[in-house]
């Protein structure tokens, strides 16, 4: 898994590539925890290069979404059919703003 973070103004983007599972989710969670979100009004997880996400990866997305409650918008974008299906089956597509 590779994570690239980009901050422009009030928008923080996490571009996640590869496989997000039990082995790699702790690294993404650590990256999220070390990223300063003060002043961020929009947190975006770009999953356009993500091949697969497990329940451990979904947990990290949920942590990110909870960080933005009352602080701004949380969006998941670019999910491929496999990842989108996982988001749909688990009900996370109803919780997250998925585009």
N, C-alpha and C. Protein backbone atom coordinates (compact mmCIF):
# COMPACT_ATOMS: atom_id res chain seq x y z
N UNK A 1 0.83 -1.17 0.00
CA UNK A 1 0.00 0.00 0.00
C UNK A 1 0.88 1.24 0.00
N UNK A 2 0.51 2.22 -0.78
CA UNK A 2 1.15 3.53 -0.80
C UNK A 2 0.12 4.59 -0.44
N UNK A 3 0.54 5.57 0.33
CA UNK A 3 -0.34 6.68 0.69
C UNK A 3 0.37 7.98 0.34
N UNK A 4 -0.32 8.81 -0.41
CA UNK A 4 0.17 10.14 -0.72
C UNK A 4 -0.80 11.13 -0.11
N UNK A 5 -0.28 12.11 0.61
CA UNK A 5 -1.15 13.13 1.19
C UNK A 5 -0.89 14.46 0.50
N UNK A 6 -1.98 15.15 0.22
CA UNK A 6 -1.90 16.45 -0.44
C UNK A 6 -2.83 17.40 0.31
N UNK A 7 -2.31 18.56 0.67
CA UNK A 7 -3.13 19.56 1.34
C UNK A 7 -3.13 20.83 0.52
N UNK A 8 -4.32 21.26 0.16
CA UNK A 8 -4.49 22.52 -0.55
C UNK A 8 -5.58 23.31 0.15
N UNK A 9 -5.19 24.41 0.75
CA UNK A 9 -6.15 25.21 1.48
C UNK A 9 -6.79 24.40 2.59
N UNK A 10 -8.11 24.35 2.58
CA UNK A 10 -8.85 23.60 3.60
C UNK A 10 -9.16 22.18 3.20
N UNK A 11 -8.52 21.70 2.15
CA UNK A 11 -8.79 20.34 1.65
C UNK A 11 -7.58 19.44 1.86
N UNK A 12 -7.80 18.32 2.54
CA UNK A 12 -6.75 17.32 2.76
C UNK A 12 -7.13 16.07 1.99
N UNK A 13 -6.22 15.59 1.14
CA UNK A 13 -6.48 14.40 0.32
C UNK A 13 -5.51 13.30 0.73
N UNK A 14 -6.06 12.11 0.92
CA UNK A 14 -5.27 10.90 1.10
C UNK A 14 -5.49 10.05 -0.14
N UNK A 15 -4.45 9.87 -0.93
CA UNK A 15 -4.53 9.03 -2.13
C UNK A 15 -3.94 7.68 -1.75
N UNK A 16 -4.79 6.65 -1.74
CA UNK A 16 -4.39 5.33 -1.26
C UNK A 16 -4.30 4.38 -2.45
N UNK A 17 -3.18 3.70 -2.58
CA UNK A 17 -2.95 2.78 -3.70
C UNK A 17 -2.56 1.40 -3.17
N UNK A 18 -2.95 0.37 -3.89
CA UNK A 18 -2.56 -1.00 -3.53
C UNK A 18 -3.67 -1.74 -2.82
N UNK A 19 -3.30 -2.40 -1.74
CA UNK A 19 -4.23 -3.22 -0.97
C UNK A 19 -4.29 -2.68 0.46
N UNK A 20 -5.50 -2.42 0.93
CA UNK A 20 -5.70 -1.91 2.29
C UNK A 20 -6.37 -3.02 3.10
N UNK A 21 -5.55 -3.70 3.90
CA UNK A 21 -6.04 -4.84 4.67
C UNK A 21 -5.46 -4.82 6.07
N UNK A 22 -5.55 -5.92 6.77
CA UNK A 22 -5.08 -6.02 8.15
C UNK A 22 -3.59 -5.67 8.28
N UNK A 23 -2.82 -6.01 7.28
CA UNK A 23 -1.37 -5.75 7.32
C UNK A 23 -1.07 -4.27 7.09
N UNK A 24 -1.78 -3.64 6.17
CA UNK A 24 -1.44 -2.27 5.76
C UNK A 24 -2.28 -1.19 6.46
N UNK A 25 -3.44 -1.54 7.00
CA UNK A 25 -4.31 -0.54 7.64
C UNK A 25 -3.63 0.22 8.78
N UNK A 26 -2.82 -0.43 9.62
CA UNK A 26 -2.16 0.33 10.68
C UNK A 26 -1.28 1.48 10.16
N UNK A 27 -0.65 1.29 9.01
CA UNK A 27 0.18 2.36 8.44
C UNK A 27 -0.69 3.54 8.00
N UNK A 28 -1.85 3.26 7.41
CA UNK A 28 -2.75 4.34 7.01
C UNK A 28 -3.30 5.05 8.23
N UNK A 29 -3.64 4.29 9.27
CA UNK A 29 -4.14 4.90 10.50
C UNK A 29 -3.07 5.79 11.13
N UNK A 30 -1.83 5.36 11.12
CA UNK A 30 -0.73 6.17 11.65
C UNK A 30 -0.56 7.45 10.85
N UNK A 31 -0.67 7.34 9.53
CA UNK A 31 -0.57 8.52 8.66
C UNK A 31 -1.71 9.50 8.95
N UNK A 32 -2.90 8.97 9.16
CA UNK A 32 -4.05 9.81 9.49
C UNK A 32 -3.84 10.52 10.82
N UNK A 33 -3.33 9.80 11.81
CA UNK A 33 -3.12 10.38 13.14
C UNK A 33 -2.06 11.47 13.14
N UNK A 34 -1.03 11.32 12.30
CA UNK A 34 0.04 12.31 12.30
C UNK A 34 -0.28 13.53 11.42
N UNK A 35 -1.31 13.43 10.60
CA UNK A 35 -1.68 14.54 9.73
C UNK A 35 -2.51 15.55 10.50
N UNK A 36 -2.08 16.79 10.46
CA UNK A 36 -2.77 17.88 11.14
C UNK A 36 -4.05 18.22 10.38
N UNK A 37 -5.19 18.08 11.04
CA UNK A 37 -6.48 18.35 10.39
C UNK A 37 -7.11 19.66 10.84
N UNK A 38 -6.40 20.42 11.69
CA UNK A 38 -6.92 21.74 12.09
C UNK A 38 -7.04 22.61 10.85
N UNK A 39 -8.18 23.22 10.68
CA UNK A 39 -8.40 24.09 9.53
C UNK A 39 -8.83 23.34 8.28
N UNK A 40 -8.91 22.02 8.35
CA UNK A 40 -9.34 21.23 7.20
C UNK A 40 -10.86 21.15 7.21
N UNK A 41 -11.47 21.63 6.14
CA UNK A 41 -12.93 21.59 6.03
C UNK A 41 -13.41 20.46 5.13
N UNK A 42 -12.48 19.84 4.41
CA UNK A 42 -12.83 18.72 3.54
C UNK A 42 -11.70 17.69 3.57
N UNK A 43 -12.05 16.47 3.97
CA UNK A 43 -11.12 15.36 4.00
C UNK A 43 -11.56 14.37 2.92
N UNK A 44 -10.66 14.09 1.97
CA UNK A 44 -10.99 13.24 0.83
C UNK A 44 -10.05 12.03 0.83
N UNK A 45 -10.65 10.85 0.68
CA UNK A 45 -9.87 9.64 0.46
C UNK A 45 -10.06 9.24 -0.98
N UNK A 46 -9.01 9.40 -1.77
CA UNK A 46 -9.01 9.05 -3.19
C UNK A 46 -8.59 7.58 -3.30
N UNK A 47 -9.53 6.73 -3.67
CA UNK A 47 -9.28 5.29 -3.74
C UNK A 47 -9.15 4.81 -5.18
N UNK A 48 -8.85 5.72 -6.11
CA UNK A 48 -8.80 5.37 -7.53
C UNK A 48 -7.70 4.35 -7.85
N UNK A 49 -6.70 4.24 -6.99
CA UNK A 49 -5.63 3.26 -7.22
C UNK A 49 -5.64 2.14 -6.18
N UNK A 50 -6.74 2.04 -5.43
CA UNK A 50 -6.88 0.98 -4.43
C UNK A 50 -7.49 -0.25 -5.09
N UNK A 51 -6.84 -1.40 -4.92
CA UNK A 51 -7.30 -2.64 -5.54
C UNK A 51 -8.30 -3.38 -4.65
N UNK A 52 -8.12 -3.31 -3.33
CA UNK A 52 -8.94 -4.09 -2.41
C UNK A 52 -8.93 -3.40 -1.05
N UNK A 53 -10.06 -3.52 -0.33
CA UNK A 53 -10.15 -3.02 1.03
C UNK A 53 -10.81 -4.07 1.90
N UNK A 54 -10.23 -4.33 3.07
CA UNK A 54 -10.80 -5.29 4.02
C UNK A 54 -11.51 -4.52 5.13
N UNK A 55 -12.04 -5.26 6.09
CA UNK A 55 -12.72 -4.62 7.22
C UNK A 55 -11.76 -3.74 8.02
N UNK A 56 -10.49 -4.09 8.06
CA UNK A 56 -9.50 -3.26 8.75
C UNK A 56 -9.34 -1.92 8.05
N UNK A 57 -9.38 -1.92 6.73
CA UNK A 57 -9.31 -0.68 5.97
C UNK A 57 -10.56 0.15 6.15
N UNK A 58 -11.72 -0.50 6.18
CA UNK A 58 -12.98 0.21 6.41
C UNK A 58 -12.97 0.88 7.77
N UNK A 59 -12.36 0.23 8.75
CA UNK A 59 -12.26 0.80 10.10
C UNK A 59 -11.49 2.11 10.06
N UNK A 60 -10.40 2.16 9.31
CA UNK A 60 -9.61 3.40 9.21
C UNK A 60 -10.43 4.50 8.55
N UNK A 61 -11.18 4.16 7.51
CA UNK A 61 -12.05 5.17 6.87
C UNK A 61 -13.09 5.68 7.86
N UNK A 62 -13.63 4.80 8.68
CA UNK A 62 -14.60 5.21 9.68
C UNK A 62 -13.98 6.14 10.72
N UNK A 63 -12.75 5.86 11.11
CA UNK A 63 -12.03 6.75 12.04
C UNK A 63 -11.87 8.13 11.41
N UNK A 64 -11.51 8.16 10.14
CA UNK A 64 -11.33 9.44 9.43
C UNK A 64 -12.64 10.20 9.36
N UNK A 65 -13.71 9.49 9.05
CA UNK A 65 -15.02 10.13 8.94
C UNK A 65 -15.44 10.72 10.29
N UNK A 66 -15.19 9.98 11.37
CA UNK A 66 -15.55 10.46 12.70
C UNK A 66 -14.76 11.70 13.08
N UNK A 67 -13.49 11.79 12.63
CA UNK A 67 -12.68 12.98 12.90
C UNK A 67 -13.29 14.24 12.28
N UNK A 68 -14.03 14.05 11.20
CA UNK A 68 -14.58 15.21 10.49
C UNK A 68 -15.98 15.61 10.96
N UNK A 69 -16.62 14.80 11.80
CA UNK A 69 -17.95 15.14 12.29
C UNK A 69 -17.87 16.47 13.03
N UNK A 70 -18.65 17.42 12.60
CA UNK A 70 -18.67 18.75 13.20
C UNK A 70 -17.54 19.65 12.73
N UNK A 71 -16.61 19.11 11.93
CA UNK A 71 -15.48 19.91 11.46
C UNK A 71 -15.47 20.13 9.96
N UNK A 72 -16.22 19.31 9.23
CA UNK A 72 -16.21 19.45 7.78
C UNK A 72 -16.70 18.20 7.09
N UNK A 73 -16.47 18.15 5.81
CA UNK A 73 -16.98 17.09 4.95
C UNK A 73 -15.96 15.97 4.77
N UNK A 74 -16.46 14.74 4.73
CA UNK A 74 -15.64 13.56 4.48
C UNK A 74 -16.14 12.90 3.20
N UNK A 75 -15.23 12.65 2.26
CA UNK A 75 -15.61 12.09 0.97
C UNK A 75 -14.67 10.96 0.59
N UNK A 76 -15.25 9.91 0.01
CA UNK A 76 -14.49 8.81 -0.58
C UNK A 76 -14.75 8.88 -2.07
N UNK A 77 -13.69 8.91 -2.88
CA UNK A 77 -13.89 9.02 -4.31
C UNK A 77 -13.02 8.02 -5.07
N UNK A 78 -13.41 7.74 -6.31
CA UNK A 78 -12.61 6.97 -7.23
C UNK A 78 -12.59 5.47 -7.01
N UNK A 79 -13.47 4.94 -6.17
CA UNK A 79 -13.44 3.50 -5.88
C UNK A 79 -13.76 2.69 -7.13
N UNK A 80 -12.96 1.63 -7.36
CA UNK A 80 -13.24 0.74 -8.48
C UNK A 80 -14.45 -0.14 -8.14
N UNK A 81 -14.87 -0.98 -9.07
CA UNK A 81 -16.06 -1.80 -8.87
C UNK A 81 -15.93 -2.73 -7.66
N UNK A 82 -14.76 -3.32 -7.46
CA UNK A 82 -14.54 -4.24 -6.34
C UNK A 82 -14.69 -3.50 -5.01
N UNK A 83 -14.01 -2.38 -4.88
CA UNK A 83 -14.05 -1.60 -3.65
C UNK A 83 -15.45 -1.02 -3.45
N UNK A 84 -16.06 -0.53 -4.50
CA UNK A 84 -17.43 0.02 -4.41
C UNK A 84 -18.40 -1.06 -3.94
N UNK A 85 -18.25 -2.27 -4.45
CA UNK A 85 -19.13 -3.37 -4.03
C UNK A 85 -18.96 -3.66 -2.53
N UNK A 86 -17.73 -3.62 -2.04
CA UNK A 86 -17.47 -3.83 -0.62
C UNK A 86 -18.12 -2.72 0.21
N UNK A 87 -17.99 -1.48 -0.24
CA UNK A 87 -18.63 -0.36 0.45
C UNK A 87 -20.15 -0.52 0.47
N UNK A 88 -20.72 -0.98 -0.64
CA UNK A 88 -22.16 -1.18 -0.74
C UNK A 88 -22.65 -2.31 0.17
N UNK A 89 -21.98 -3.46 0.09
CA UNK A 89 -22.40 -4.64 0.85
C UNK A 89 -22.31 -4.40 2.36
N UNK A 90 -21.29 -3.69 2.78
CA UNK A 90 -21.10 -3.42 4.21
C UNK A 90 -21.96 -2.27 4.71
N UNK A 91 -22.57 -1.53 3.80
CA UNK A 91 -23.39 -0.38 4.20
C UNK A 91 -22.61 0.90 4.38
N UNK A 92 -21.31 0.86 4.15
CA UNK A 92 -20.49 2.05 4.31
C UNK A 92 -20.80 3.10 3.27
N UNK A 93 -21.31 2.70 2.12
CA UNK A 93 -21.67 3.69 1.10
C UNK A 93 -22.87 4.52 1.55
N UNK A 94 -23.61 4.02 2.54
CA UNK A 94 -24.71 4.80 3.11
C UNK A 94 -24.23 5.77 4.19
N UNK A 95 -23.08 5.46 4.78
CA UNK A 95 -22.52 6.29 5.85
C UNK A 95 -21.62 7.38 5.28
N UNK A 96 -20.82 7.03 4.28
CA UNK A 96 -19.87 7.95 3.67
C UNK A 96 -20.47 8.65 2.47
N UNK A 97 -19.92 9.82 2.15
CA UNK A 97 -20.21 10.48 0.89
C UNK A 97 -19.29 9.85 -0.14
N UNK A 98 -19.84 8.94 -0.97
CA UNK A 98 -19.05 8.21 -1.95
C UNK A 98 -19.36 8.77 -3.33
N UNK A 99 -18.30 9.24 -4.02
CA UNK A 99 -18.50 9.76 -5.37
C UNK A 99 -17.55 9.07 -6.33
